[in-house]
Structures are given as C-alpha cells and as structure tokens.
Amino acid sequence: MVDKHIWLVLGMHRSGTSLLASWLHACGLELGGNTLSRAYNRKGNFENYEVIKYHNEILSRNNTKWNIPIDKKILISKPNKEKVRKLLKQQNKVYSGIWGWKEPRTCLLTFYGVI
C-alpha cells in the first residue's frame, strides 16, 4: 500500500523543479536526503538517489536513456514493480509517510504508465 502523503515535483529537466523542490524542502518536506549538488546547481537538485537509480534501471532494461527520444513503449517487469512498492514502503517508514521526490524521469515514466 502506498501512503497518500507522497508529494511529487513534476517537470522536465531545467524547468524550475529544483527551485520548487528547494522551497518545499525549506518548508519541511523531506525529499530523500540527497541533494546531488552539481557545478550548475550548488544548492542541489533535491533528487532522491534511490528514485534516480530505479528510473535509470528501468530505462536501461529498455535499452534507452532519459535524454534521447523514445520511440517505443517502456516496459516494466513484475520484479521492478515490486521493487518500487518496496522502495515506497521503506521511504514511508523512514519519513513517517510524509515525503516526496523530485526527479525529472518521473514525467517520462509516468507518461508511459510505469509509475
């Protein structure tokens, strides 16, 4: 079961999602504890590393990447579906069921019905 208190910051790369995520984090929303700071965004992207790993794994199994046009259906295996359920349950326990994530691949995978 997935708790209803999971907030998602949706938007494609370089669209202001880091700004929104930083504001939500400053207001107290837990975003997974990993800000993945980079030279172009020293305060961090506020992206949950576990979610990134999961999304990249799905894309890799489908022989594609987030930054190239996708012209085929993205498939997700039953074990990967169970993996995301387990990840959500684990994060719910850690953050008392009130948390969220910002990860641009979420838009891509939501579009294809993975999430």
N, C-alpha and C. Protein backbone atom coordinates (compact mmCIF):
# COMPACT_ATOMS: atom_id res chain seq x y z
N MET A 1 0.84 -1.18 0.00
CA MET A 1 0.00 0.00 0.00
C MET A 1 0.89 1.24 0.00
N VAL A 2 0.54 2.20 -0.82
CA VAL A 2 1.28 3.45 -0.90
C VAL A 2 0.50 4.52 -0.15
N ASP A 3 1.19 5.21 0.74
CA ASP A 3 0.56 6.26 1.53
C ASP A 3 0.16 7.43 0.63
N LYS A 4 -0.92 8.09 0.98
CA LYS A 4 -1.39 9.22 0.17
C LYS A 4 -0.59 10.49 0.41
N HIS A 5 0.39 10.47 1.29
CA HIS A 5 1.15 11.66 1.62
C HIS A 5 2.52 11.69 0.94
N ILE A 6 2.57 11.28 -0.28
CA ILE A 6 3.80 11.35 -1.06
C ILE A 6 3.61 12.47 -2.08
N TRP A 7 4.47 13.47 -2.00
CA TRP A 7 4.39 14.61 -2.90
C TRP A 7 5.40 14.42 -4.03
N LEU A 8 5.00 14.68 -5.25
CA LEU A 8 5.89 14.61 -6.39
C LEU A 8 6.04 15.99 -7.00
N VAL A 9 7.27 16.35 -7.30
CA VAL A 9 7.54 17.58 -8.05
C VAL A 9 7.78 17.12 -9.48
N LEU A 10 6.85 17.46 -10.36
CA LEU A 10 6.92 17.00 -11.74
C LEU A 10 7.31 18.14 -12.67
N GLY A 11 8.15 17.83 -13.60
CA GLY A 11 8.60 18.78 -14.61
C GLY A 11 9.86 18.24 -15.26
N MET A 12 10.10 18.65 -16.46
CA MET A 12 11.26 18.15 -17.19
C MET A 12 12.52 18.89 -16.73
N HIS A 13 13.64 18.40 -17.18
CA HIS A 13 14.94 18.96 -16.82
C HIS A 13 14.99 20.45 -17.16
N ARG A 14 15.63 21.21 -16.29
CA ARG A 14 15.86 22.64 -16.47
C ARG A 14 14.57 23.44 -16.58
N SER A 15 13.55 23.03 -15.83
CA SER A 15 12.25 23.71 -15.91
C SER A 15 11.84 24.40 -14.61
N GLY A 16 12.77 24.50 -13.64
CA GLY A 16 12.46 25.16 -12.38
C GLY A 16 12.08 24.21 -11.26
N THR A 17 12.19 22.91 -11.50
CA THR A 17 11.79 21.95 -10.47
C THR A 17 12.72 21.98 -9.27
N SER A 18 13.99 22.27 -9.48
CA SER A 18 14.92 22.35 -8.34
C SER A 18 14.55 23.52 -7.44
N LEU A 19 14.15 24.63 -8.03
CA LEU A 19 13.72 25.78 -7.25
C LEU A 19 12.49 25.43 -6.42
N LEU A 20 11.50 24.81 -7.05
CA LEU A 20 10.29 24.41 -6.32
C LEU A 20 10.63 23.40 -5.23
N ALA A 21 11.46 22.40 -5.55
CA ALA A 21 11.83 21.39 -4.57
C ALA A 21 12.59 22.02 -3.39
N SER A 22 13.46 22.98 -3.67
CA SER A 22 14.20 23.63 -2.57
C SER A 22 13.25 24.39 -1.66
N TRP A 23 12.24 25.02 -2.24
CA TRP A 23 11.23 25.75 -1.45
C TRP A 23 10.43 24.77 -0.59
N LEU A 24 9.97 23.67 -1.17
CA LEU A 24 9.23 22.66 -0.40
C LEU A 24 10.08 22.09 0.72
N HIS A 25 11.35 21.83 0.43
CA HIS A 25 12.27 21.31 1.43
C HIS A 25 12.45 22.31 2.58
N ALA A 26 12.59 23.59 2.22
CA ALA A 26 12.72 24.64 3.24
C ALA A 26 11.46 24.74 4.10
N CYS A 27 10.32 24.36 3.54
CA CYS A 27 9.05 24.37 4.28
C CYS A 27 8.85 23.10 5.10
N GLY A 28 9.80 22.14 5.00
CA GLY A 28 9.75 20.96 5.84
C GLY A 28 9.46 19.64 5.14
N LEU A 29 9.27 19.65 3.83
CA LEU A 29 9.02 18.39 3.12
C LEU A 29 10.33 17.64 2.94
N GLU A 30 10.37 16.40 3.38
CA GLU A 30 11.56 15.57 3.21
C GLU A 30 11.58 15.05 1.78
N LEU A 31 12.75 15.20 1.12
CA LEU A 31 12.88 14.78 -0.27
C LEU A 31 13.90 13.67 -0.46
N GLY A 32 14.20 12.94 0.56
CA GLY A 32 15.07 11.79 0.41
C GLY A 32 16.49 11.97 0.88
N GLY A 33 16.85 13.13 1.34
CA GLY A 33 18.14 13.32 1.98
C GLY A 33 19.34 13.44 1.07
N ASN A 34 19.17 13.47 -0.24
CA ASN A 34 20.31 13.59 -1.14
C ASN A 34 20.03 14.70 -2.14
N THR A 35 20.82 15.77 -2.08
CA THR A 35 20.55 16.91 -2.94
C THR A 35 21.33 16.89 -4.25
N LEU A 36 22.26 15.98 -4.42
CA LEU A 36 23.03 15.85 -5.66
C LEU A 36 23.49 17.19 -6.22
N SER A 37 24.28 17.90 -5.45
CA SER A 37 24.77 19.20 -5.89
C SER A 37 25.72 19.04 -7.08
N ARG A 38 25.64 19.98 -7.99
CA ARG A 38 26.49 19.97 -9.19
C ARG A 38 27.00 21.39 -9.42
N ALA A 39 27.96 21.54 -10.30
CA ALA A 39 28.55 22.85 -10.56
C ALA A 39 27.49 23.88 -10.98
N TYR A 40 26.51 23.47 -11.77
CA TYR A 40 25.49 24.41 -12.24
C TYR A 40 24.36 24.60 -11.22
N ASN A 41 24.38 23.84 -10.13
CA ASN A 41 23.34 23.97 -9.12
C ASN A 41 23.94 23.60 -7.77
N ARG A 42 24.69 24.51 -7.19
CA ARG A 42 25.45 24.23 -5.97
C ARG A 42 24.58 23.89 -4.77
N LYS A 43 23.37 24.40 -4.71
CA LYS A 43 22.48 24.09 -3.59
C LYS A 43 21.88 22.70 -3.72
N GLY A 44 21.98 22.14 -4.91
CA GLY A 44 21.49 20.79 -5.12
C GLY A 44 20.23 20.74 -5.96
N ASN A 45 20.00 19.56 -6.50
CA ASN A 45 18.82 19.32 -7.33
C ASN A 45 17.65 18.78 -6.53
N PHE A 46 17.90 18.39 -5.30
CA PHE A 46 16.87 17.83 -4.43
C PHE A 46 16.26 16.57 -5.04
N GLU A 47 17.12 15.73 -5.60
CA GLU A 47 16.67 14.49 -6.21
C GLU A 47 17.06 13.31 -5.33
N ASN A 48 16.13 12.41 -5.12
CA ASN A 48 16.33 11.22 -4.30
C ASN A 48 17.14 10.20 -5.11
N TYR A 49 18.32 9.88 -4.61
CA TYR A 49 19.22 8.99 -5.34
C TYR A 49 18.59 7.62 -5.60
N GLU A 50 17.84 7.08 -4.65
CA GLU A 50 17.21 5.76 -4.84
C GLU A 50 16.19 5.79 -5.97
N VAL A 51 15.46 6.88 -6.08
CA VAL A 51 14.48 7.02 -7.17
C VAL A 51 15.21 7.14 -8.51
N ILE A 52 16.30 7.90 -8.55
CA ILE A 52 17.09 8.02 -9.78
C ILE A 52 17.59 6.64 -10.21
N LYS A 53 18.15 5.89 -9.26
CA LYS A 53 18.65 4.55 -9.57
C LYS A 53 17.55 3.68 -10.17
N TYR A 54 16.37 3.71 -9.56
CA TYR A 54 15.25 2.91 -10.03
C TYR A 54 14.85 3.31 -11.45
N HIS A 55 14.72 4.61 -11.70
CA HIS A 55 14.34 5.08 -13.03
C HIS A 55 15.38 4.70 -14.07
N ASN A 56 16.65 4.89 -13.74
CA ASN A 56 17.71 4.54 -14.69
C ASN A 56 17.72 3.04 -14.99
N GLU A 57 17.43 2.24 -13.98
CA GLU A 57 17.37 0.79 -14.18
C GLU A 57 16.27 0.42 -15.18
N ILE A 58 15.11 1.03 -15.04
CA ILE A 58 14.01 0.76 -15.96
C ILE A 58 14.38 1.18 -17.38
N LEU A 59 14.94 2.37 -17.51
CA LEU A 59 15.32 2.84 -18.84
C LEU A 59 16.41 1.96 -19.45
N SER A 60 17.37 1.56 -18.64
CA SER A 60 18.45 0.70 -19.13
C SER A 60 17.91 -0.66 -19.61
N ARG A 61 16.99 -1.24 -18.85
CA ARG A 61 16.41 -2.53 -19.26
C ARG A 61 15.61 -2.41 -20.56
N ASN A 62 15.22 -1.18 -20.89
CA ASN A 62 14.50 -0.93 -22.13
C ASN A 62 15.43 -0.36 -23.22
N ASN A 63 16.74 -0.46 -22.97
CA ASN A 63 17.76 0.00 -23.92
C ASN A 63 17.56 1.44 -24.37
N THR A 64 17.33 2.31 -23.41
CA THR A 64 17.18 3.72 -23.73
C THR A 64 17.71 4.57 -22.57
N LYS A 65 17.69 5.87 -22.75
CA LYS A 65 18.12 6.83 -21.74
C LYS A 65 17.12 7.97 -21.69
N TRP A 66 17.18 8.75 -20.62
CA TRP A 66 16.25 9.85 -20.45
C TRP A 66 16.45 10.96 -21.47
N ASN A 67 17.67 11.10 -21.98
CA ASN A 67 17.98 12.26 -22.82
C ASN A 67 17.99 11.98 -24.32
N ILE A 68 17.35 10.89 -24.73
CA ILE A 68 17.20 10.62 -26.16
C ILE A 68 15.72 10.37 -26.44
N PRO A 69 15.26 10.70 -27.65
CA PRO A 69 13.85 10.44 -27.97
C PRO A 69 13.51 8.95 -27.83
N ILE A 70 12.38 8.69 -27.24
CA ILE A 70 11.94 7.31 -27.05
C ILE A 70 10.81 7.04 -28.01
N ASP A 71 11.02 6.06 -28.88
CA ASP A 71 10.02 5.77 -29.90
C ASP A 71 9.38 4.39 -29.73
N LYS A 72 9.47 3.89 -28.50
CA LYS A 72 8.88 2.58 -28.23
C LYS A 72 8.27 2.60 -26.84
N LYS A 73 7.44 1.63 -26.57
CA LYS A 73 6.81 1.54 -25.27
C LYS A 73 7.83 1.10 -24.22
N ILE A 74 7.81 1.77 -23.08
CA ILE A 74 8.68 1.40 -21.96
C ILE A 74 7.96 0.30 -21.19
N LEU A 75 8.64 -0.80 -20.98
CA LEU A 75 8.07 -1.93 -20.25
C LEU A 75 8.70 -2.04 -18.88
N ILE A 76 7.91 -2.49 -17.93
CA ILE A 76 8.42 -2.71 -16.58
C ILE A 76 8.04 -4.12 -16.15
N SER A 77 9.00 -4.82 -15.60
CA SER A 77 8.78 -6.20 -15.19
C SER A 77 8.06 -6.24 -13.84
N LYS A 78 7.47 -7.39 -13.54
CA LYS A 78 6.81 -7.56 -12.24
C LYS A 78 7.81 -7.37 -11.09
N PRO A 79 9.04 -7.93 -11.20
CA PRO A 79 10.00 -7.68 -10.12
C PRO A 79 10.32 -6.20 -9.93
N ASN A 80 10.38 -5.43 -11.01
CA ASN A 80 10.63 -3.99 -10.87
C ASN A 80 9.45 -3.27 -10.26
N LYS A 81 8.23 -3.72 -10.57
CA LYS A 81 7.05 -3.12 -9.94
C LYS A 81 7.08 -3.39 -8.43
N GLU A 82 7.47 -4.60 -8.07
CA GLU A 82 7.57 -4.92 -6.64
C GLU A 82 8.68 -4.11 -5.98
N LYS A 83 9.76 -3.89 -6.72
CA LYS A 83 10.87 -3.11 -6.20
C LYS A 83 10.43 -1.68 -5.86
N VAL A 84 9.62 -1.06 -6.72
CA VAL A 84 9.17 0.30 -6.44
C VAL A 84 8.20 0.31 -5.26
N ARG A 85 7.37 -0.70 -5.13
CA ARG A 85 6.48 -0.78 -3.97
C ARG A 85 7.29 -0.87 -2.68
N LYS A 86 8.34 -1.69 -2.72
CA LYS A 86 9.21 -1.85 -1.56
C LYS A 86 9.93 -0.53 -1.23
N LEU A 87 10.40 0.16 -2.26
CA LEU A 87 11.06 1.44 -2.07
C LEU A 87 10.11 2.45 -1.43
N LEU A 88 8.87 2.52 -1.91
CA LEU A 88 7.90 3.46 -1.35
C LEU A 88 7.57 3.13 0.10
N LYS A 89 7.41 1.84 0.40
CA LYS A 89 7.14 1.44 1.79
C LYS A 89 8.30 1.81 2.70
N GLN A 90 9.52 1.55 2.22
CA GLN A 90 10.72 1.86 3.01
C GLN A 90 10.81 3.36 3.28
N GLN A 91 10.62 4.17 2.25
CA GLN A 91 10.68 5.62 2.42
C GLN A 91 9.55 6.10 3.32
N ASN A 92 8.37 5.49 3.23
CA ASN A 92 7.26 5.86 4.11
C ASN A 92 7.63 5.65 5.58
N LYS A 93 8.32 4.54 5.87
CA LYS A 93 8.73 4.27 7.25
C LYS A 93 9.76 5.30 7.72
N VAL A 94 10.74 5.57 6.87
CA VAL A 94 11.81 6.50 7.23
C VAL A 94 11.27 7.90 7.47
N TYR A 95 10.34 8.34 6.64
CA TYR A 95 9.85 9.72 6.70
C TYR A 95 8.42 9.82 7.22
N SER A 96 7.97 8.85 7.96
CA SER A 96 6.65 8.86 8.59
C SER A 96 5.52 9.04 7.60
N GLY A 97 5.73 8.61 6.38
CA GLY A 97 4.67 8.66 5.39
C GLY A 97 4.44 10.02 4.77
N ILE A 98 5.22 11.04 5.17
CA ILE A 98 5.09 12.37 4.57
C ILE A 98 6.44 12.74 3.98
N TRP A 99 6.55 12.59 2.69
CA TRP A 99 7.80 12.85 2.00
C TRP A 99 7.49 13.02 0.52
N GLY A 100 8.51 13.17 -0.27
CA GLY A 100 8.27 13.30 -1.70
C GLY A 100 9.56 13.16 -2.47
N TRP A 101 9.44 13.32 -3.77
CA TRP A 101 10.64 13.32 -4.58
C TRP A 101 10.46 14.22 -5.78
N LYS A 102 11.61 14.66 -6.25
CA LYS A 102 11.70 15.43 -7.48
C LYS A 102 12.74 14.71 -8.32
N GLU A 103 12.31 14.22 -9.44
CA GLU A 103 13.22 13.51 -10.33
C GLU A 103 12.60 13.57 -11.72
N PRO A 104 13.20 14.31 -12.65
CA PRO A 104 12.57 14.56 -13.94
C PRO A 104 12.15 13.31 -14.73
N ARG A 105 12.83 12.19 -14.53
CA ARG A 105 12.45 10.98 -15.26
C ARG A 105 11.05 10.50 -14.87
N THR A 106 10.56 10.97 -13.74
CA THR A 106 9.21 10.61 -13.30
C THR A 106 8.19 11.01 -14.37
N CYS A 107 8.36 12.17 -14.98
CA CYS A 107 7.44 12.60 -16.05
C CYS A 107 7.47 11.62 -17.21
N LEU A 108 8.64 11.25 -17.62
CA LEU A 108 8.79 10.33 -18.74
C LEU A 108 8.15 8.98 -18.44
N LEU A 109 8.44 8.44 -17.26
CA LEU A 109 7.93 7.11 -16.93
C LEU A 109 6.45 7.14 -16.60
N THR A 110 5.94 8.24 -16.07
CA THR A 110 4.51 8.37 -15.83
C THR A 110 3.77 8.38 -17.15
N PHE A 111 4.31 9.09 -18.13
CA PHE A 111 3.71 9.16 -19.45
C PHE A 111 3.55 7.76 -20.05
N TYR A 112 4.53 6.91 -19.82
CA TYR A 112 4.49 5.56 -20.33
C TYR A 112 3.78 4.58 -19.40
N GLY A 113 3.19 5.07 -18.33
CA GLY A 113 2.41 4.22 -17.43
C GLY A 113 3.23 3.35 -16.50
N VAL A 114 4.48 3.68 -16.29
CA VAL A 114 5.32 2.88 -15.41
C VAL A 114 5.06 3.20 -13.95
N ILE A 115 4.81 4.47 -13.66
CA ILE A 115 4.65 4.90 -12.27
C ILE A 115 3.21 5.24 -12.02
